[in-house]
Amino acid sequence: MSARSAKPALPWLQQLALAPLYLTALAGCSASRAPVDLNLVFVEVTPMDYAHILCQLEPMAERHTCMTSVVGHYREHRNRDSAPMEAVGGPFVAFIDRQRYRGSYVSNPFAAAFSVSHGRTLCRGRYNAFAGDAEAIFRLRCDDGREGRAQIVLDQTGRNGIGKLWMASGSTGDIVFGYAAVGGAFGQ
């Protein structure tokens, strides 16, 4: 075998040897994060997680601007001194049947409630351990007759968080709450 015939084989062998690395890199870019365990006290939630949820309905051409705004708002507000009342209430955004509902929540260790609206439709969720609720799962009712359930979990700050909702119709949705997580155009 001459040196001339060995040269073309070398790049091919290098590509073959590097193929598992390329595949791993591609899988890492396209893989989504594992589902959040909503039964935990808190989970790691990044500003980009909030942005992905809050901007999901934005047209693709405007999504980057929306996500940049959410991340900037979170970074600006996450470490500020907040009023004591902000620990027990704040803004709440829920995505119900592919519509963005905005509102607020109030909470204490044993009971919580939220109220959100979209247009004329109002939806409320609540749980209350004092009234016999064994789990911190919100019963969700909308004034148009739809029903479901929702569950939330705090982020590391303890004042913001995310969640999921499940409607009786089978549809699911996302939740974001807290002053640092929800701001700007997403507030009330």
Protein backbone atom coordinates (compact mmCIF):
# COMPACT_ATOMS: atom_id res chain seq x y z
CA MET A 1 0.00 0.00 0.00
CA SER A 2 1.42 3.33 -0.97
CA ALA A 3 1.33 6.48 1.15
CA ARG A 4 -1.04 7.99 -1.42
CA SER A 5 -3.74 5.31 -0.85
CA ALA A 6 -3.43 5.51 2.96
CA LYS A 7 -4.17 9.25 3.13
CA PRO A 8 -7.84 9.08 2.05
CA ALA A 9 -8.49 6.30 4.59
CA LEU A 10 -7.20 8.37 7.51
CA PRO A 11 -9.95 11.09 7.44
CA TRP A 12 -12.58 8.36 7.02
CA LEU A 13 -11.21 6.49 10.05
CA GLN A 14 -11.15 9.71 12.08
CA GLN A 15 -14.78 10.42 11.19
CA LEU A 16 -15.75 6.86 12.11
CA ALA A 17 -13.93 7.13 15.43
CA LEU A 18 -15.60 10.48 16.21
CA ALA A 19 -19.12 9.36 15.17
CA PRO A 20 -20.17 8.34 18.72
CA LEU A 21 -19.15 11.80 19.97
CA TYR A 22 -21.18 13.50 17.22
CA LEU A 23 -24.22 11.38 18.02
CA THR A 24 -23.89 12.10 21.74
CA ALA A 25 -23.64 15.83 21.06
CA LEU A 26 -26.69 15.77 18.81
CA ALA A 27 -28.69 13.78 21.33
CA GLY A 28 -27.77 16.26 24.05
CA CYS A 29 -28.96 19.19 21.95
CA SER A 30 -32.29 17.65 21.07
CA ALA A 31 -33.06 15.87 24.31
CA SER A 32 -35.49 17.56 26.67
CA ARG A 33 -35.07 17.74 30.42
CA ALA A 34 -36.54 15.03 32.55
CA PRO A 35 -40.05 15.74 33.82
CA VAL A 36 -40.19 17.75 37.04
CA ASP A 37 -41.17 15.78 40.15
CA LEU A 38 -44.02 17.90 41.48
CA ASN A 39 -44.02 15.98 44.77
CA LEU A 40 -40.77 17.60 45.90
CA VAL A 41 -40.60 20.64 48.16
CA PHE A 42 -38.52 22.53 45.58
CA VAL A 43 -36.75 21.87 42.27
CA GLU A 44 -34.08 23.56 40.21
CA VAL A 45 -35.79 25.95 37.81
CA THR A 46 -33.64 28.09 35.54
CA PRO A 47 -34.67 31.46 34.10
CA MET A 48 -34.78 29.72 30.69
CA ASP A 49 -37.30 27.20 32.08
CA TYR A 50 -39.58 30.10 32.99
CA ALA A 51 -38.99 31.67 29.56
CA HIS A 52 -39.82 28.44 27.69
CA ILE A 53 -43.12 28.15 29.53
CA LEU A 54 -44.18 31.79 29.43
CA CYS A 55 -43.24 32.32 25.77
CA GLN A 56 -44.64 29.07 24.38
CA LEU A 57 -47.56 30.77 22.58
CA GLU A 58 -45.51 33.59 21.05
CA PRO A 59 -44.95 33.45 17.28
CA MET A 60 -41.51 32.07 16.47
CA ALA A 61 -40.34 35.44 15.12
CA GLU A 62 -41.07 37.06 18.51
CA ARG A 63 -40.14 34.21 20.84
CA HIS A 64 -36.47 35.21 21.27
CA THR A 65 -37.44 38.73 22.36
CA CYS A 66 -40.00 37.32 24.77
CA MET A 67 -37.54 34.84 26.28
CA THR A 68 -34.85 37.50 26.64
CA SER A 69 -37.35 39.70 28.47
CA VAL A 70 -38.36 36.90 30.88
CA VAL A 71 -34.75 35.97 31.66
CA GLY A 72 -33.80 39.62 32.20
CA HIS A 73 -36.78 40.22 34.48
CA TYR A 74 -35.95 37.14 36.57
CA ARG A 75 -32.29 38.11 36.97
CA GLU A 76 -33.27 41.64 37.92
CA HIS A 77 -35.83 40.58 40.56
CA ARG A 78 -34.70 37.24 42.02
CA ASN A 79 -32.40 38.66 44.72
CA ARG A 80 -34.19 41.90 45.57
CA ASP A 81 -35.62 42.43 49.01
CA SER A 82 -39.30 41.72 48.79
CA ALA A 83 -42.19 42.72 50.97
CA PRO A 84 -43.41 40.09 53.46
CA MET A 85 -46.73 39.85 51.60
CA GLU A 86 -44.88 38.70 48.49
CA ALA A 87 -44.01 35.49 50.33
CA VAL A 88 -47.68 34.52 50.55
CA GLY A 89 -49.04 35.77 47.24
CA GLY A 90 -48.19 37.04 43.80
CA PRO A 91 -48.75 36.75 40.07
CA PHE A 92 -49.84 33.43 38.57
CA VAL A 93 -49.91 32.38 34.89
CA ALA A 94 -51.59 29.19 33.70
CA PHE A 95 -51.87 27.74 30.21
CA ILE A 96 -55.27 26.10 29.89
CA ASP A 97 -56.31 24.58 26.56
CA ARG A 98 -53.54 26.48 24.72
CA GLN A 99 -54.64 29.85 26.11
CA ARG A 100 -52.66 32.05 28.51
CA TYR A 101 -54.56 32.87 31.70
CA ARG A 102 -53.22 35.54 34.06
CA GLY A 103 -54.06 36.19 37.68
CA SER A 104 -52.76 35.80 41.20
CA TYR A 105 -52.35 33.35 44.06
CA VAL A 106 -52.41 33.39 47.85
CA SER A 107 -50.79 30.70 49.96
CA ASN A 108 -49.86 29.49 53.41
CA PRO A 109 -48.33 26.14 54.42
CA PHE A 110 -51.70 24.36 54.61
CA ALA A 111 -53.90 26.08 52.03
CA ALA A 112 -53.56 27.92 48.76
CA ALA A 113 -55.74 29.36 46.03
CA PHE A 114 -55.31 30.97 42.64
CA SER A 115 -57.59 32.82 40.29
CA VAL A 116 -56.75 33.37 36.62
CA SER A 117 -58.66 34.74 33.65
CA HIS A 118 -58.52 34.89 29.88
CA GLY A 119 -61.02 37.24 28.32
CA ARG A 120 -64.28 36.66 30.16
CA THR A 121 -63.37 33.17 31.34
CA LEU A 122 -62.34 32.88 34.98
CA CYS A 123 -60.74 29.76 36.47
CA ARG A 124 -60.02 29.12 40.14
CA GLY A 125 -57.96 26.51 41.89
CA ARG A 126 -57.67 25.71 45.58
CA TYR A 127 -56.60 23.16 48.15
CA ASN A 128 -57.08 23.31 51.88
CA ALA A 129 -55.65 20.80 54.36
CA PHE A 130 -57.97 22.18 57.05
CA ALA A 131 -60.96 21.21 54.87
CA GLY A 132 -59.66 17.66 54.44
CA ASP A 133 -57.47 17.81 51.34
CA ALA A 134 -54.82 15.13 51.93
CA GLU A 135 -52.49 16.40 49.17
CA ALA A 136 -51.45 19.83 47.94
CA ILE A 137 -53.29 19.36 44.65
CA PHE A 138 -55.52 22.19 43.49
CA ARG A 139 -59.07 21.43 42.41
CA LEU A 140 -59.54 23.58 39.31
CA ARG A 141 -62.92 24.91 38.15
CA CYS A 142 -63.64 27.38 35.39
CA ASP A 143 -66.84 29.40 35.16
CA ASP A 144 -67.53 27.84 31.74
CA GLY A 145 -67.87 24.39 33.34
CA ARG A 146 -64.39 22.98 32.68
CA GLU A 147 -62.71 21.21 35.58
CA GLY A 148 -59.30 19.77 36.33
CA ARG A 149 -56.51 19.65 38.84
CA ALA A 150 -53.17 21.40 39.22
CA GLN A 151 -49.98 20.91 41.16
CA ILE A 152 -47.08 23.31 41.74
CA VAL A 153 -43.54 23.18 43.11
CA LEU A 154 -41.26 25.97 44.32
CA ASP A 155 -37.91 26.87 42.80
CA GLN A 156 -34.77 27.28 44.92
CA THR A 157 -35.77 30.79 46.03
CA GLY A 158 -38.95 29.51 47.68
CA ARG A 159 -41.00 32.38 46.22
CA ASN A 160 -41.39 31.40 42.57
CA GLY A 161 -42.15 28.17 40.82
CA ILE A 162 -43.71 26.08 38.11
CA GLY A 163 -46.43 23.50 37.86
CA LYS A 164 -48.72 21.42 35.68
CA LEU A 165 -52.44 21.22 35.25
CA TRP A 166 -54.59 18.41 33.93
CA MET A 167 -58.08 19.10 32.62
CA ALA A 168 -60.87 16.51 32.76
CA SER A 169 -60.99 16.72 28.93
CA GLY A 170 -57.48 15.21 28.80
CA SER A 171 -55.57 18.37 27.93
CA THR A 172 -52.59 19.49 30.00
CA GLY A 173 -51.02 22.86 30.67
CA ASP A 174 -48.18 24.63 32.43
CA ILE A 175 -48.03 27.05 35.35
CA VAL A 176 -45.54 29.75 36.36
CA PHE A 177 -45.90 31.85 39.52
CA GLY A 178 -44.03 34.39 41.62
CA TYR A 179 -42.84 37.98 41.25
CA ALA A 180 -39.41 37.15 39.81
CA ALA A 181 -40.70 34.47 37.43
CA VAL A 182 -43.74 36.38 36.14
CA GLY A 183 -43.20 39.96 35.12
CA GLY A 184 -43.52 42.60 32.49
CA ALA A 185 -46.18 41.71 29.93
CA PHE A 186 -47.01 38.52 31.86
CA GLY A 187 -48.03 40.27 35.05
CA GLN A 188 -51.54 41.41 35.72
